[in-house]
C-alpha atoms as a PDB file:
ATOM      1  CA  UNK A   1       4.172   0.625 -13.308  1.00  0.00           C
ATOM      2  CA  UNK A   2       3.009   3.470 -11.085  1.00  0.00           C
ATOM      3  CA  UNK A   3      -0.410   3.295  -9.504  1.00  0.00           C
ATOM      4  CA  UNK A   4      -2.137   6.613  -9.084  1.00  0.00           C
ATOM      5  CA  UNK A   5      -3.751   6.665  -5.663  1.00  0.00           C
ATOM      6  CA  UNK A   6      -5.445   9.659  -4.122  1.00  0.00           C
ATOM      7  CA  UNK A   7      -2.732   9.892  -1.516  1.00  0.00           C
ATOM      8  CA  UNK A   8       0.059  12.118  -0.406  1.00  0.00           C
ATOM      9  CA  UNK A   9       3.138  11.643   1.686  1.00  0.00           C
ATOM     10  CA  UNK A  10       4.103  13.226   4.977  1.00  0.00           C
ATOM     11  CA  UNK A  11       7.684  13.680   6.113  1.00  0.00           C
ATOM     12  CA  UNK A  12       8.058  13.193   9.871  1.00  0.00           C
ATOM     13  CA  UNK A  13      11.119  14.383  11.772  1.00  0.00           C
ATOM     14  CA  UNK A  14      12.290  13.621  15.297  1.00  0.00           C
ATOM     15  CA  UNK A  15      14.372  16.743  16.057  1.00  0.00           C
ATOM     16  CA  UNK A  16      17.118  16.031  18.580  1.00  0.00           C
ATOM     17  CA  UNK A  17      20.272  17.934  19.445  1.00  0.00           C
ATOM     18  CA  UNK A  18      22.633  15.220  18.216  1.00  0.00           C
ATOM     19  CA  UNK A  19      20.612  13.632  15.394  1.00  0.00           C
ATOM     20  CA  UNK A  20      17.465  13.694  13.307  1.00  0.00           C
ATOM     21  CA  UNK A  21      15.010  10.846  12.834  1.00  0.00           C
ATOM     22  CA  UNK A  22      13.445  10.855   9.367  1.00  0.00           C
ATOM     23  CA  UNK A  23      10.381   8.828   8.373  1.00  0.00           C
ATOM     24  CA  UNK A  24       7.566   8.996   5.825  1.00  0.00           C
ATOM     25  CA  UNK A  25       3.865   8.289   6.211  1.00  0.00           C
ATOM     26  CA  UNK A  26       1.390   7.780   3.429  1.00  0.00           C
ATOM     27  CA  UNK A  27      -1.777   9.824   3.870  1.00  0.00           C
ATOM     28  CA  UNK A  28      -4.968   8.553   2.265  1.00  0.00           C
ATOM     29  CA  UNK A  29      -8.006  10.618   3.108  1.00  0.00           C
ATOM     30  CA  UNK A  30      -7.795  11.334   6.837  1.00  0.00           C
ATOM     31  CA  UNK A  31      -5.666   8.286   7.691  1.00  0.00           C
ATOM     32  CA  UNK A  32      -1.871   8.138   8.080  1.00  0.00           C
ATOM     33  CA  UNK A  33      -0.035   4.897   7.543  1.00  0.00           C
ATOM     34  CA  UNK A  34       3.709   4.504   8.221  1.00  0.00           C
ATOM     35  CA  UNK A  35       5.527   3.994   4.938  1.00  0.00           C
ATOM     36  CA  UNK A  36       9.078   3.802   6.336  1.00  0.00           C
ATOM     37  CA  UNK A  37      10.835   3.283   9.616  1.00  0.00           C
ATOM     38  CA  UNK A  38      12.806   6.158  11.134  1.00  0.00           C
ATOM     39  CA  UNK A  39      16.260   6.628   9.661  1.00  0.00           C
ATOM     40  CA  UNK A  40      18.624   8.660  11.832  1.00  0.00           C
ATOM     41  CA  UNK A  41      20.783  11.401  10.349  1.00  0.00           C
ATOM     42  CA  UNK A  42      23.914  11.830  12.414  1.00  0.00           C
ATOM     43  CA  UNK A  43      24.851   8.158  12.366  1.00  0.00           C
ATOM     44  CA  UNK A  44      26.126   6.019   9.513  1.00  0.00           C
ATOM     45  CA  UNK A  45      25.120   2.396   9.033  1.00  0.00           C
ATOM     46  CA  UNK A  46      27.467   0.463   6.769  1.00  0.00           C
ATOM     47  CA  UNK A  47      28.651   3.749   5.270  1.00  0.00           C
ATOM     48  CA  UNK A  48      25.163   4.946   4.346  1.00  0.00           C
ATOM     49  CA  UNK A  49      23.473   8.053   5.670  1.00  0.00           C
ATOM     50  CA  UNK A  50      19.823   8.300   6.643  1.00  0.00           C
ATOM     51  CA  UNK A  51      19.176  10.167   3.385  1.00  0.00           C
ATOM     52  CA  UNK A  52      20.691   7.312   1.343  1.00  0.00           C
ATOM     53  CA  UNK A  53      18.645   4.730   3.220  1.00  0.00           C
ATOM     54  CA  UNK A  54      15.468   6.803   2.822  1.00  0.00           C
ATOM     55  CA  UNK A  55      16.100   7.113  -0.935  1.00  0.00           C
ATOM     56  CA  UNK A  56      16.667   3.361  -1.235  1.00  0.00           C
ATOM     57  CA  UNK A  57      13.450   2.663   0.680  1.00  0.00           C
ATOM     58  CA  UNK A  58      11.423   5.054  -1.488  1.00  0.00           C
ATOM     59  CA  UNK A  59      12.969   3.653  -4.685  1.00  0.00           C
ATOM     60  CA  UNK A  60      11.835   0.168  -3.645  1.00  0.00           C
ATOM     61  CA  UNK A  61       8.222   1.375  -3.673  1.00  0.00           C
ATOM     62  CA  UNK A  62       7.696   1.465  -7.424  1.00  0.00           C
ATOM     63  CA  UNK A  63       4.130   2.717  -7.117  1.00  0.00           C
ATOM     64  CA  UNK A  64       5.310   6.099  -5.766  1.00  0.00           C
ATOM     65  CA  UNK A  65       5.789   8.617  -8.568  1.00  0.00           C
ATOM     66  CA  UNK A  66       9.235  10.058  -9.212  1.00  0.00           C
ATOM     67  CA  UNK A  67       7.815  13.505  -8.513  1.00  0.00           C
ATOM     68  CA  UNK A  68       6.577  12.416  -5.053  1.00  0.00           C
ATOM     69  CA  UNK A  69       9.919  10.729  -4.281  1.00  0.00           C
ATOM     70  CA  UNK A  70      11.834  13.848  -5.292  1.00  0.00           C
ATOM     71  CA  UNK A  71       9.538  16.071  -3.235  1.00  0.00           C
ATOM     72  CA  UNK A  72      10.074  13.911  -0.131  1.00  0.00           C
ATOM     73  CA  UNK A  73      13.842  13.782  -0.603  1.00  0.00           C
ATOM     74  CA  UNK A  74      14.039  17.531  -1.240  1.00  0.00           C
ATOM     75  CA  UNK A  75      12.080  18.222   1.944  1.00  0.00           C
ATOM     76  CA  UNK A  76      14.400  15.900   3.881  1.00  0.00           C
ATOM     77  CA  UNK A  77      17.459  17.631   2.381  1.00  0.00           C
ATOM     78  CA  UNK A  78      16.159  21.072   3.344  1.00  0.00           C
ATOM     79  CA  UNK A  79      15.510  20.001   6.938  1.00  0.00           C
ATOM     80  CA  UNK A  80      18.893  18.241   7.231  1.00  0.00           C
ATOM     81  CA  UNK A  81      20.739  21.292   5.851  1.00  0.00           C
ATOM     82  CA  UNK A  82      18.907  23.622   8.239  1.00  0.00           C
ATOM     83  CA  UNK A  83      19.651  21.341  11.219  1.00  0.00           C
ATOM     84  CA  UNK A  84      23.330  21.111  10.236  1.00  0.00           C
ATOM     85  CA  UNK A  85      23.615  24.886   9.776  1.00  0.00           C
ATOM     86  CA  UNK A  86      22.161  25.462  13.237  1.00  0.00           C
ATOM     87  CA  UNK A  87      24.612  22.981  14.752  1.00  0.00           C
ATOM     88  CA  UNK A  88      27.585  24.593  13.001  1.00  0.00           C
ATOM     89  CA  UNK A  89      26.497  28.028  14.231  1.00  0.00           C
ATOM     90  CA  UNK A  90      25.777  26.605  17.695  1.00  0.00           C
ATOM     91  CA  UNK A  91      22.226  27.977  17.532  1.00  0.00           C
ATOM     92  CA  UNK A  92      19.163  26.392  19.049  1.00  0.00           C
ATOM     93  CA  UNK A  93      15.563  26.734  17.956  1.00  0.00           C
ATOM     94  CA  UNK A  94      12.333  25.504  19.442  1.00  0.00           C
ATOM     95  CA  UNK A  95      10.199  22.846  17.809  1.00  0.00           C
ATOM     96  CA  UNK A  96       7.618  25.566  17.168  1.00  0.00           C
ATOM     97  CA  UNK A  97      10.187  27.671  15.301  1.00  0.00           C
ATOM     98  CA  UNK A  98      11.306  24.806  13.101  1.00  0.00           C
ATOM     99  CA  UNK A  99       7.680  23.757  12.522  1.00  0.00           C
ATOM    100  CA  UNK A 100       6.912  27.305  11.337  1.00  0.00           C
ATOM    101  CA  UNK A 101       9.892  27.190   8.957  1.00  0.00           C
ATOM    102  CA  UNK A 102       8.770  23.841   7.472  1.00  0.00           C
ATOM    103  CA  UNK A 103       4.959  23.764   7.845  1.00  0.00           C
ATOM    104  CA  UNK A 104       4.542  20.783   5.490  1.00  0.00           C
ATOM    105  CA  UNK A 105       6.673  18.546   7.771  1.00  0.00           C
ATOM    106  CA  UNK A 106       5.645  17.090  11.151  1.00  0.00           C
ATOM    107  CA  UNK A 107       8.199  17.601  13.937  1.00  0.00           C
ATOM    108  CA  UNK A 108       8.574  16.051  17.353  1.00  0.00           C
ATOM    109  CA  UNK A 109      11.549  16.027  19.675  1.00  0.00           C
ATOM    110  CA  UNK A 110      13.328  18.042  22.290  1.00  0.00           C
ATOM    111  CA  UNK A 111      14.403  21.669  22.295  1.00  0.00           C
END
C-alpha cells in the first residue's frame, strides 16, 4: 500500500573525476531527510552497480509511488550517462555547469 505524503524526493550527486556518489533525500516541507546512503557509480559491489543498488533500495520503500521511483531513477540515469559521455570525450565541466544542466539535482564535488 502506498501512502500519499506531501513530500518529494531530491537526487544528490557527489561529482568526482573517477566516480559519482548517488543518494536520495526525502523533502517534506522545508526539511530534508536522507532516504538512502550514497551509492558510488564507477565501482561494482558483488556485481551490482550503484544504479542497481539505488533501485533495490527504492523498491524496498513500498510507500514511494512507482512514478516517484521512476523519476528518481531516470534522473540518476541521465546524470550517469552525461558523466560517462564527458569521461569518454575527455571533457571536464565545472560543478556550476553540471548544476545548470540538471537544475533539479543537487551537486557537490570537485572540478
